[in-house]
Amino acid sequence: MATDKDAEFVTGEARARLMFEQTKVLASSGLEYTNPLIPHLSLLSTTLTPTPKCTFLYTVQQAHTNRLNTLHGGCIATLFDYCTSVAVSLVSKPGFWEFVGVSRTLNTTYLRPAEVGAEVEIECEVVAIGRQLAQLRGTMRRRGGGGEVFATCEHGKFNMDARGKM
């Protein structure tokens, strides 16, 4: 039987967009770990089939660079952590990844530097998702041009929805 809570829960692509918009509000008030990155990130597209996937656009800012004036590895990992979590929201529903889980692993491979001003596309997909564990993948590449890949990630998550019920 559907509850009032179920009726208010947004699913699919609308949920991913809602999660992103809510993060923007939290970031603007200083209440989000992604505060410095979110103003420079936009959600370009979402899809549910054949694989749940989100694509984002990020512009590299001077404040997010290392001593070599390229995007800092910590910023790359943070972007992957957040963006892959939005991808989970595409398949979440009441009782199934409702809170998009917590990270178990985040393996990031850095392939080439992204310079200040570079427009970067971040594509994140749900590779596999079960009751407790999820495997996500992310690719960060230059938008347009040659589309060279800057970094990739594999993100493992654990579902906290059932915590306390085990």
C-alpha atoms as a PDB file:
ATOM      1  CA  MET A   1       0.000   0.000   0.000  1.00  0.00           C
ATOM      2  CA  ALA A   2       1.377   3.426  -0.951  1.00  0.00           C
ATOM      3  CA  THR A   3       1.910   5.908   1.861  1.00  0.00           C
ATOM      4  CA  ASP A   4       1.886   9.702   1.847  1.00  0.00           C
ATOM      5  CA  LYS A   5       5.681   9.540   2.059  1.00  0.00           C
ATOM      6  CA  ASP A   6       5.792   7.402  -1.113  1.00  0.00           C
ATOM      7  CA  ALA A   7       3.537   9.846  -2.950  1.00  0.00           C
ATOM      8  CA  GLU A   8       5.957  12.718  -2.186  1.00  0.00           C
ATOM      9  CA  PHE A   9       9.073  10.813  -3.257  1.00  0.00           C
ATOM     10  CA  VAL A  10      10.303  11.834  -6.711  1.00  0.00           C
ATOM     11  CA  THR A  11      11.977   9.102  -8.770  1.00  0.00           C
ATOM     12  CA  GLY A  12      14.173   8.734 -11.838  1.00  0.00           C
ATOM     13  CA  GLU A  13      15.511  11.693 -13.751  1.00  0.00           C
ATOM     14  CA  ALA A  14      13.402  14.158 -11.742  1.00  0.00           C
ATOM     15  CA  ARG A  15      15.069  12.910  -8.535  1.00  0.00           C
ATOM     16  CA  ALA A  16      18.576  13.447  -9.949  1.00  0.00           C
ATOM     17  CA  ARG A  17      17.690  16.993 -10.969  1.00  0.00           C
ATOM     18  CA  LEU A  18      16.069  17.661  -7.585  1.00  0.00           C
ATOM     19  CA  MET A  19      19.131  16.318  -5.740  1.00  0.00           C
ATOM     20  CA  PHE A  20      21.380  18.595  -7.810  1.00  0.00           C
ATOM     21  CA  GLU A  21      19.178  21.658  -7.228  1.00  0.00           C
ATOM     22  CA  GLN A  22      19.023  20.985  -3.477  1.00  0.00           C
ATOM     23  CA  THR A  23      22.829  20.702  -3.376  1.00  0.00           C
ATOM     24  CA  LYS A  24      23.137  24.079  -5.126  1.00  0.00           C
ATOM     25  CA  VAL A  25      20.966  25.662  -2.422  1.00  0.00           C
ATOM     26  CA  LEU A  26      22.988  24.042   0.380  1.00  0.00           C
ATOM     27  CA  ALA A  27      26.267  25.048  -1.265  1.00  0.00           C
ATOM     28  CA  SER A  28      25.157  28.674  -1.612  1.00  0.00           C
ATOM     29  CA  SER A  29      24.500  28.761   2.146  1.00  0.00           C
ATOM     30  CA  GLY A  30      27.874  27.166   2.955  1.00  0.00           C
ATOM     31  CA  LEU A  31      26.338  23.912   4.215  1.00  0.00           C
ATOM     32  CA  GLU A  32      27.714  21.437   1.675  1.00  0.00           C
ATOM     33  CA  TYR A  33      31.134  19.773   1.275  1.00  0.00           C
ATOM     34  CA  THR A  34      31.032  20.659  -2.411  1.00  0.00           C
ATOM     35  CA  ASN A  35      30.642  24.436  -1.694  1.00  0.00           C
ATOM     36  CA  PRO A  36      33.568  25.615  -3.847  1.00  0.00           C
ATOM     37  CA  LEU A  37      32.763  23.315  -6.787  1.00  0.00           C
ATOM     38  CA  ILE A  38      28.973  23.413  -7.180  1.00  0.00           C
ATOM     39  CA  PRO A  39      28.721  26.971  -8.599  1.00  0.00           C
ATOM     40  CA  HIS A  40      30.891  25.802 -11.516  1.00  0.00           C
ATOM     41  CA  LEU A  41      29.061  22.504 -12.103  1.00  0.00           C
ATOM     42  CA  SER A  42      25.891  21.928 -14.098  1.00  0.00           C
ATOM     43  CA  LEU A  43      23.819  18.827 -14.781  1.00  0.00           C
ATOM     44  CA  LEU A  44      23.661  18.441 -18.569  1.00  0.00           C
ATOM     45  CA  SER A  45      21.676  15.251 -19.014  1.00  0.00           C
ATOM     46  CA  THR A  46      20.343  12.096 -17.429  1.00  0.00           C
ATOM     47  CA  THR A  47      19.209   8.811 -18.881  1.00  0.00           C
ATOM     48  CA  LEU A  48      17.746   5.642 -17.415  1.00  0.00           C
ATOM     49  CA  THR A  49      18.266   3.229 -20.308  1.00  0.00           C
ATOM     50  CA  PRO A  50      20.162   1.254 -21.284  1.00  0.00           C
ATOM     51  CA  THR A  51      22.265   2.230 -18.236  1.00  0.00           C
ATOM     52  CA  PRO A  52      21.366   4.849 -15.609  1.00  0.00           C
ATOM     53  CA  LYS A  53      23.740   7.714 -16.393  1.00  0.00           C
ATOM     54  CA  CYS A  54      24.281  11.425 -15.630  1.00  0.00           C
ATOM     55  CA  THR A  55      26.477  13.885 -17.493  1.00  0.00           C
ATOM     56  CA  PHE A  56      27.773  17.071 -15.892  1.00  0.00           C
ATOM     57  CA  LEU A  57      29.731  20.087 -17.105  1.00  0.00           C
ATOM     58  CA  TYR A  58      32.414  21.661 -14.919  1.00  0.00           C
ATOM     59  CA  THR A  59      34.767  24.561 -15.715  1.00  0.00           C
ATOM     60  CA  VAL A  60      38.180  24.371 -14.019  1.00  0.00           C
ATOM     61  CA  GLN A  61      38.691  27.367 -11.701  1.00  0.00           C
ATOM     62  CA  GLN A  62      42.038  28.807 -10.575  1.00  0.00           C
ATOM     63  CA  ALA A  63      41.055  28.253  -6.923  1.00  0.00           C
ATOM     64  CA  HIS A  64      40.683  24.498  -7.607  1.00  0.00           C
ATOM     65  CA  THR A  65      44.189  23.994  -8.984  1.00  0.00           C
ATOM     66  CA  ASN A  66      47.473  22.731  -7.597  1.00  0.00           C
ATOM     67  CA  ARG A  67      50.919  24.370  -7.820  1.00  0.00           C
ATOM     68  CA  LEU A  68      51.104  23.392 -11.483  1.00  0.00           C
ATOM     69  CA  ASN A  69      47.880  25.320 -12.231  1.00  0.00           C
ATOM     70  CA  THR A  70      45.990  22.152 -13.124  1.00  0.00           C
ATOM     71  CA  LEU A  71      42.873  20.737 -11.469  1.00  0.00           C
ATOM     72  CA  HIS A  72      43.819  19.355  -8.052  1.00  0.00           C
ATOM     73  CA  GLY A  73      43.410  15.610  -7.554  1.00  0.00           C
ATOM     74  CA  GLY A  74      41.327  16.180  -4.428  1.00  0.00           C
ATOM     75  CA  CYS A  75      38.881  18.289  -6.429  1.00  0.00           C
ATOM     76  CA  ILE A  76      38.702  15.570  -9.071  1.00  0.00           C
ATOM     77  CA  ALA A  77      37.917  12.939  -6.409  1.00  0.00           C
ATOM     78  CA  THR A  78      35.297  15.217  -4.814  1.00  0.00           C
ATOM     79  CA  LEU A  79      33.619  15.828  -8.171  1.00  0.00           C
ATOM     80  CA  PHE A  80      33.512  12.077  -8.851  1.00  0.00           C
ATOM     81  CA  ASP A  81      32.177  11.345  -5.346  1.00  0.00           C
ATOM     82  CA  TYR A  82      29.324  13.799  -5.759  1.00  0.00           C
ATOM     83  CA  CYS A  83      28.479  13.185  -9.420  1.00  0.00           C
ATOM     84  CA  THR A  84      28.402   9.383  -9.132  1.00  0.00           C
ATOM     85  CA  SER A  85      26.096   9.765  -6.119  1.00  0.00           C
ATOM     86  CA  VAL A  86      23.666  11.765  -8.239  1.00  0.00           C
ATOM     87  CA  ALA A  87      23.678   8.835 -10.683  1.00  0.00           C
ATOM     88  CA  VAL A  88      22.487   6.558  -7.833  1.00  0.00           C
ATOM     89  CA  SER A  89      19.534   8.874  -7.300  1.00  0.00           C
ATOM     90  CA  LEU A  90      18.292   7.908 -10.777  1.00  0.00           C
ATOM     91  CA  VAL A  91      17.365   4.445  -9.485  1.00  0.00           C
ATOM     92  CA  SER A  92      16.567   5.252  -5.848  1.00  0.00           C
ATOM     93  CA  LYS A  93      13.062   4.921  -4.465  1.00  0.00           C
ATOM     94  CA  PRO A  94      11.512   4.508  -1.018  1.00  0.00           C
ATOM     95  CA  GLY A  95      13.291   1.611   0.654  1.00  0.00           C
ATOM     96  CA  PHE A  96      15.869   1.243  -2.144  1.00  0.00           C
ATOM     97  CA  TRP A  97      18.902   3.526  -1.997  1.00  0.00           C
ATOM     98  CA  GLU A  98      16.651   6.316  -0.746  1.00  0.00           C
ATOM     99  CA  PHE A  99      19.623   8.170   0.803  1.00  0.00           C
ATOM    100  CA  VAL A 100      22.074   7.266  -2.048  1.00  0.00           C
ATOM    101  CA  GLY A 101      24.424   5.393   0.297  1.00  0.00           C
ATOM    102  CA  VAL A 102      27.923   6.081   1.587  1.00  0.00           C
ATOM    103  CA  SER A 103      31.288   5.512  -0.069  1.00  0.00           C
ATOM    104  CA  ARG A 104      33.148   2.251   0.529  1.00  0.00           C
ATOM    105  CA  THR A 105      35.829   2.860  -2.068  1.00  0.00           C
ATOM    106  CA  LEU A 106      36.659   5.620  -4.512  1.00  0.00           C
ATOM    107  CA  ASN A 107      39.461   4.638  -6.851  1.00  0.00           C
ATOM    108  CA  THR A 108      40.533   7.522  -9.055  1.00  0.00           C
ATOM    109  CA  THR A 109      42.989   7.244 -11.922  1.00  0.00           C
ATOM    110  CA  TYR A 110      44.561  10.505 -13.070  1.00  0.00           C
ATOM    111  CA  LEU A 111      45.541  10.395 -16.739  1.00  0.00           C
ATOM    112  CA  ARG A 112      46.355  13.959 -17.820  1.00  0.00           C
ATOM    113  CA  PRO A 113      46.123  17.470 -16.360  1.00  0.00           C
ATOM    114  CA  ALA A 114      43.100  19.735 -16.794  1.00  0.00           C
ATOM    115  CA  GLU A 115      44.137  23.381 -17.058  1.00  0.00           C
ATOM    116  CA  VAL A 116      42.347  26.469 -15.726  1.00  0.00           C
ATOM    117  CA  GLY A 117      39.359  27.322 -17.921  1.00  0.00           C
ATOM    118  CA  ALA A 118      39.010  23.828 -19.376  1.00  0.00           C
ATOM    119  CA  GLU A 119      35.407  22.720 -19.863  1.00  0.00           C
ATOM    120  CA  VAL A 120      35.166  19.220 -18.491  1.00  0.00           C
ATOM    121  CA  GLU A 121      32.362  16.697 -19.012  1.00  0.00           C
ATOM    122  CA  ILE A 122      31.862  14.222 -16.197  1.00  0.00           C
ATOM    123  CA  GLU A 123      29.897  11.135 -17.202  1.00  0.00           C
ATOM    124  CA  CYS A 124      28.772   8.866 -14.368  1.00  0.00           C
ATOM    125  CA  GLU A 125      26.955   5.566 -14.656  1.00  0.00           C
ATOM    126  CA  VAL A 126      25.487   2.898 -12.424  1.00  0.00           C
ATOM    127  CA  VAL A 127      27.366  -0.272 -13.364  1.00  0.00           C
ATOM    128  CA  ALA A 128      25.603  -2.536 -10.842  1.00  0.00           C
ATOM    129  CA  ILE A 129      23.311  -1.956  -7.891  1.00  0.00           C
ATOM    130  CA  GLY A 130      21.843  -4.392  -5.405  1.00  0.00           C
ATOM    131  CA  ARG A 131      20.154  -4.211  -2.037  1.00  0.00           C
ATOM    132  CA  GLN A 132      23.322  -3.219  -0.138  1.00  0.00           C
ATOM    133  CA  LEU A 133      26.147  -2.544  -2.609  1.00  0.00           C
ATOM    134  CA  ALA A 134      26.542  -0.443  -5.730  1.00  0.00           C
ATOM    135  CA  GLN A 135      29.327  -0.103  -8.285  1.00  0.00           C
ATOM    136  CA  LEU A 136      29.577   3.192 -10.166  1.00  0.00           C
ATOM    137  CA  ARG A 137      31.927   4.469 -12.853  1.00  0.00           C
ATOM    138  CA  GLY A 138      32.953   7.982 -13.808  1.00  0.00           C
ATOM    139  CA  THR A 139      34.881   9.481 -16.706  1.00  0.00           C
ATOM    140  CA  MET A 140      36.130  13.062 -16.810  1.00  0.00           C
ATOM    141  CA  ARG A 141      37.035  14.325 -20.285  1.00  0.00           C
ATOM    142  CA  ARG A 142      37.565  17.555 -22.179  1.00  0.00           C
ATOM    143  CA  ARG A 143      34.359  18.876 -23.686  1.00  0.00           C
ATOM    144  CA  GLY A 144      34.602  19.179 -27.433  1.00  0.00           C
ATOM    145  CA  GLY A 145      37.920  19.098 -29.235  1.00  0.00           C
ATOM    146  CA  GLY A 146      39.656  15.769 -28.926  1.00  0.00           C
ATOM    147  CA  GLY A 147      37.672  14.747 -25.858  1.00  0.00           C
ATOM    148  CA  GLU A 148      40.831  13.513 -24.141  1.00  0.00           C
ATOM    149  CA  VAL A 149      40.231  11.782 -20.818  1.00  0.00           C
ATOM    150  CA  PHE A 150      41.583  13.560 -17.720  1.00  0.00           C
ATOM    151  CA  ALA A 151      40.576  10.983 -15.090  1.00  0.00           C
ATOM    152  CA  THR A 152      38.389   7.959 -14.418  1.00  0.00           C
ATOM    153  CA  CYS A 153      36.942   6.459 -11.249  1.00  0.00           C
ATOM    154  CA  GLU A 154      35.329   3.375  -9.825  1.00  0.00           C
ATOM    155  CA  HIS A 155      33.096   4.164  -6.863  1.00  0.00           C
ATOM    156  CA  GLY A 156      31.774   1.503  -4.515  1.00  0.00           C
ATOM    157  CA  LYS A 157      28.877   2.472  -2.248  1.00  0.00           C
ATOM    158  CA  PHE A 158      27.049   0.878   0.671  1.00  0.00           C
ATOM    159  CA  ASN A 159      23.311   1.390   1.174  1.00  0.00           C
ATOM    160  CA  MET A 160      22.525   2.875   4.603  1.00  0.00           C
ATOM    161  CA  ASP A 161      18.715   2.722   4.216  1.00  0.00           C
ATOM    162  CA  ALA A 162      18.385  -0.473   6.264  1.00  0.00           C
ATOM    163  CA  ARG A 163      20.852   0.556   9.001  1.00  0.00           C
ATOM    164  CA  GLY A 164      19.493  -0.424  12.374  1.00  0.00           C
ATOM    165  CA  LYS A 165      17.165  -3.030  10.839  1.00  0.00           C
ATOM    166  CA  MET A 166      19.866  -5.683  10.510  1.00  0.00           C
END
